[in-house]
N, C-alpha and C. Protein backbone atom coordinates (compact mmCIF):
# COMPACT_ATOMS: atom_id res chain seq x y z
N MET A 1 -11.56 -9.79 9.41
CA MET A 1 -10.20 -10.13 9.77
C MET A 1 -10.15 -10.34 11.28
N ASP A 2 -9.50 -11.40 11.68
CA ASP A 2 -9.40 -11.64 13.11
C ASP A 2 -8.08 -11.10 13.66
N LYS A 3 -7.98 -11.11 14.95
CA LYS A 3 -6.81 -10.54 15.62
C LYS A 3 -5.54 -11.31 15.32
N ILE A 4 -5.65 -12.61 15.13
CA ILE A 4 -4.48 -13.43 14.82
C ILE A 4 -3.92 -13.06 13.45
N SER A 5 -4.80 -12.88 12.47
CA SER A 5 -4.36 -12.49 11.13
C SER A 5 -3.67 -11.14 11.16
N LEU A 6 -4.19 -10.23 11.95
CA LEU A 6 -3.58 -8.91 12.08
C LEU A 6 -2.18 -9.02 12.66
N GLU A 7 -2.02 -9.83 13.67
CA GLU A 7 -0.70 -10.06 14.27
C GLU A 7 0.26 -10.68 13.26
N GLN A 8 -0.23 -11.61 12.46
CA GLN A 8 0.62 -12.26 11.45
C GLN A 8 1.07 -11.27 10.39
N MET A 9 0.18 -10.38 9.98
CA MET A 9 0.54 -9.35 9.01
C MET A 9 1.63 -8.45 9.56
N LEU A 10 1.49 -8.05 10.81
CA LEU A 10 2.49 -7.20 11.44
C LEU A 10 3.83 -7.91 11.51
N LYS A 11 3.82 -9.18 11.86
CA LYS A 11 5.06 -9.97 11.95
C LYS A 11 5.76 -10.08 10.59
N GLN A 12 4.98 -10.13 9.51
CA GLN A 12 5.57 -10.20 8.17
C GLN A 12 6.30 -8.90 7.83
N MET A 13 5.78 -7.79 8.33
CA MET A 13 6.40 -6.50 8.06
C MET A 13 7.62 -6.26 8.94
N ASP A 14 7.50 -6.68 10.19
CA ASP A 14 8.60 -6.49 11.15
C ASP A 14 8.46 -7.55 12.23
N SER A 15 9.35 -8.51 12.22
CA SER A 15 9.22 -9.64 13.15
C SER A 15 9.36 -9.25 14.61
N SER A 16 9.92 -8.08 14.88
CA SER A 16 10.08 -7.66 16.27
C SER A 16 8.97 -6.71 16.73
N ALA A 17 8.08 -6.35 15.82
CA ALA A 17 7.03 -5.37 16.15
C ALA A 17 5.98 -5.97 17.08
N ARG A 18 5.44 -5.13 17.90
CA ARG A 18 4.37 -5.52 18.82
C ARG A 18 3.20 -4.56 18.63
N MET A 19 2.02 -5.02 18.98
CA MET A 19 0.81 -4.21 18.82
C MET A 19 0.03 -4.21 20.13
N GLU A 20 -0.35 -3.02 20.56
CA GLU A 20 -1.17 -2.93 21.77
C GLU A 20 -2.55 -3.50 21.48
N ASN A 21 -3.18 -4.02 22.50
CA ASN A 21 -4.53 -4.59 22.35
C ASN A 21 -5.52 -3.58 21.81
N ASP A 22 -5.42 -2.32 22.27
CA ASP A 22 -6.34 -1.29 21.79
C ASP A 22 -6.19 -1.04 20.30
N VAL A 23 -4.95 -1.05 19.82
CA VAL A 23 -4.70 -0.85 18.39
C VAL A 23 -5.29 -2.02 17.60
N ARG A 24 -5.07 -3.22 18.08
CA ARG A 24 -5.61 -4.42 17.42
C ARG A 24 -7.13 -4.36 17.37
N ASP A 25 -7.74 -3.95 18.47
CA ASP A 25 -9.21 -3.86 18.52
C ASP A 25 -9.75 -2.83 17.54
N VAL A 26 -9.10 -1.66 17.49
CA VAL A 26 -9.56 -0.59 16.59
C VAL A 26 -9.41 -1.03 15.14
N LEU A 27 -8.28 -1.61 14.79
CA LEU A 27 -8.07 -2.06 13.41
C LEU A 27 -9.03 -3.18 13.02
N THR A 28 -9.26 -4.09 13.92
CA THR A 28 -10.20 -5.18 13.65
C THR A 28 -11.61 -4.64 13.42
N ASP A 29 -12.03 -3.70 14.26
CA ASP A 29 -13.35 -3.08 14.10
C ASP A 29 -13.44 -2.33 12.78
N TYR A 30 -12.38 -1.59 12.43
CA TYR A 30 -12.36 -0.82 11.19
C TYR A 30 -12.49 -1.74 9.97
N VAL A 31 -11.72 -2.81 9.94
CA VAL A 31 -11.76 -3.74 8.81
C VAL A 31 -13.13 -4.41 8.71
N ASP A 32 -13.68 -4.82 9.85
CA ASP A 32 -15.01 -5.43 9.85
C ASP A 32 -16.06 -4.47 9.31
N ASP A 33 -16.00 -3.22 9.75
CA ASP A 33 -16.96 -2.21 9.28
C ASP A 33 -16.80 -1.96 7.78
N TYR A 34 -15.56 -1.84 7.32
CA TYR A 34 -15.29 -1.61 5.91
C TYR A 34 -15.84 -2.76 5.06
N LEU A 35 -15.58 -3.99 5.46
CA LEU A 35 -16.07 -5.15 4.71
C LEU A 35 -17.59 -5.23 4.72
N ASN A 36 -18.21 -4.92 5.85
CA ASN A 36 -19.67 -4.91 5.92
C ASN A 36 -20.26 -3.89 4.96
N GLN A 37 -19.68 -2.68 4.92
CA GLN A 37 -20.16 -1.65 4.01
C GLN A 37 -19.95 -2.05 2.55
N LEU A 38 -18.79 -2.62 2.26
CA LEU A 38 -18.50 -3.07 0.90
C LEU A 38 -19.47 -4.16 0.45
N LEU A 39 -19.72 -5.12 1.31
CA LEU A 39 -20.66 -6.19 0.97
C LEU A 39 -22.08 -5.66 0.79
N LYS A 40 -22.48 -4.73 1.64
CA LYS A 40 -23.82 -4.14 1.53
C LYS A 40 -23.99 -3.44 0.18
N LYS A 41 -23.03 -2.59 -0.17
CA LYS A 41 -23.12 -1.87 -1.46
C LYS A 41 -23.04 -2.85 -2.63
N SER A 42 -22.20 -3.85 -2.53
CA SER A 42 -22.06 -4.83 -3.60
C SER A 42 -23.36 -5.60 -3.80
N CYS A 43 -24.00 -5.99 -2.71
CA CYS A 43 -25.29 -6.70 -2.80
C CYS A 43 -26.38 -5.80 -3.37
N GLU A 44 -26.36 -4.52 -3.00
CA GLU A 44 -27.33 -3.58 -3.57
C GLU A 44 -27.15 -3.49 -5.08
N LEU A 45 -25.91 -3.45 -5.54
CA LEU A 45 -25.66 -3.39 -6.98
C LEU A 45 -26.11 -4.67 -7.68
N ALA A 46 -25.90 -5.81 -7.06
CA ALA A 46 -26.35 -7.08 -7.64
C ALA A 46 -27.87 -7.09 -7.74
N MET A 47 -28.55 -6.65 -6.70
CA MET A 47 -30.02 -6.62 -6.72
C MET A 47 -30.52 -5.62 -7.76
N HIS A 48 -29.81 -4.50 -7.91
CA HIS A 48 -30.20 -3.48 -8.89
C HIS A 48 -30.16 -4.03 -10.32
N ARG A 49 -29.22 -4.91 -10.59
CA ARG A 49 -29.16 -5.50 -11.93
C ARG A 49 -30.02 -6.75 -12.04
N GLY A 50 -30.80 -7.04 -10.99
CA GLY A 50 -31.77 -8.13 -11.03
C GLY A 50 -31.22 -9.49 -10.68
N SER A 51 -30.11 -9.52 -9.99
CA SER A 51 -29.50 -10.80 -9.65
C SER A 51 -29.52 -11.03 -8.15
N LYS A 52 -29.67 -12.29 -7.77
CA LYS A 52 -29.55 -12.67 -6.37
C LYS A 52 -28.17 -13.21 -6.07
N LYS A 53 -27.32 -13.24 -7.10
CA LYS A 53 -25.97 -13.78 -6.96
C LYS A 53 -24.96 -12.64 -7.03
N LEU A 54 -24.15 -12.52 -6.01
CA LEU A 54 -23.10 -11.51 -5.97
C LEU A 54 -21.95 -11.96 -6.88
N GLN A 55 -21.55 -11.05 -7.77
CA GLN A 55 -20.46 -11.36 -8.69
C GLN A 55 -19.32 -10.37 -8.48
N ILE A 56 -18.17 -10.73 -9.02
CA ILE A 56 -16.98 -9.89 -8.86
C ILE A 56 -17.22 -8.49 -9.41
N LYS A 57 -18.01 -8.38 -10.47
CA LYS A 57 -18.25 -7.06 -11.05
C LYS A 57 -19.03 -6.17 -10.08
N ASP A 58 -19.85 -6.76 -9.22
CA ASP A 58 -20.57 -5.97 -8.22
C ASP A 58 -19.60 -5.39 -7.19
N VAL A 59 -18.67 -6.22 -6.76
CA VAL A 59 -17.67 -5.76 -5.79
C VAL A 59 -16.76 -4.71 -6.43
N GLU A 60 -16.33 -4.96 -7.66
CA GLU A 60 -15.47 -4.00 -8.36
C GLU A 60 -16.17 -2.66 -8.55
N ASN A 61 -17.46 -2.70 -8.94
CA ASN A 61 -18.21 -1.45 -9.11
C ASN A 61 -18.38 -0.71 -7.79
N ALA A 62 -18.65 -1.43 -6.72
CA ALA A 62 -18.79 -0.80 -5.40
C ALA A 62 -17.47 -0.15 -5.00
N LEU A 63 -16.37 -0.85 -5.19
CA LEU A 63 -15.06 -0.28 -4.86
C LEU A 63 -14.77 0.96 -5.68
N GLU A 64 -15.10 0.90 -6.96
CA GLU A 64 -14.81 2.02 -7.86
C GLU A 64 -15.65 3.25 -7.55
N HIS A 65 -16.93 3.04 -7.23
CA HIS A 65 -17.83 4.18 -7.08
C HIS A 65 -18.05 4.65 -5.65
N TYR A 66 -17.83 3.81 -4.68
CA TYR A 66 -18.14 4.19 -3.30
C TYR A 66 -16.94 4.19 -2.36
N PHE A 67 -15.84 3.58 -2.77
CA PHE A 67 -14.72 3.41 -1.84
C PHE A 67 -13.40 3.89 -2.43
N LYS A 68 -13.44 5.01 -3.12
CA LYS A 68 -12.21 5.57 -3.69
C LYS A 68 -11.39 6.24 -2.63
């Protein structure tokens, strides 16, 4: 997620809201880290079942078992 998307989400919730740069940076880093971990686990599950193709079931299983 980029900083512009984060600002747009905030504006949808409250059009007058503002976000400090530090908050934006922390949230952007957190989302990037979360997605990297999710993709890593999902790819591991795909490889475990013998596939080189990531499927929705891999992501769903990773979310269910590792990201509750």
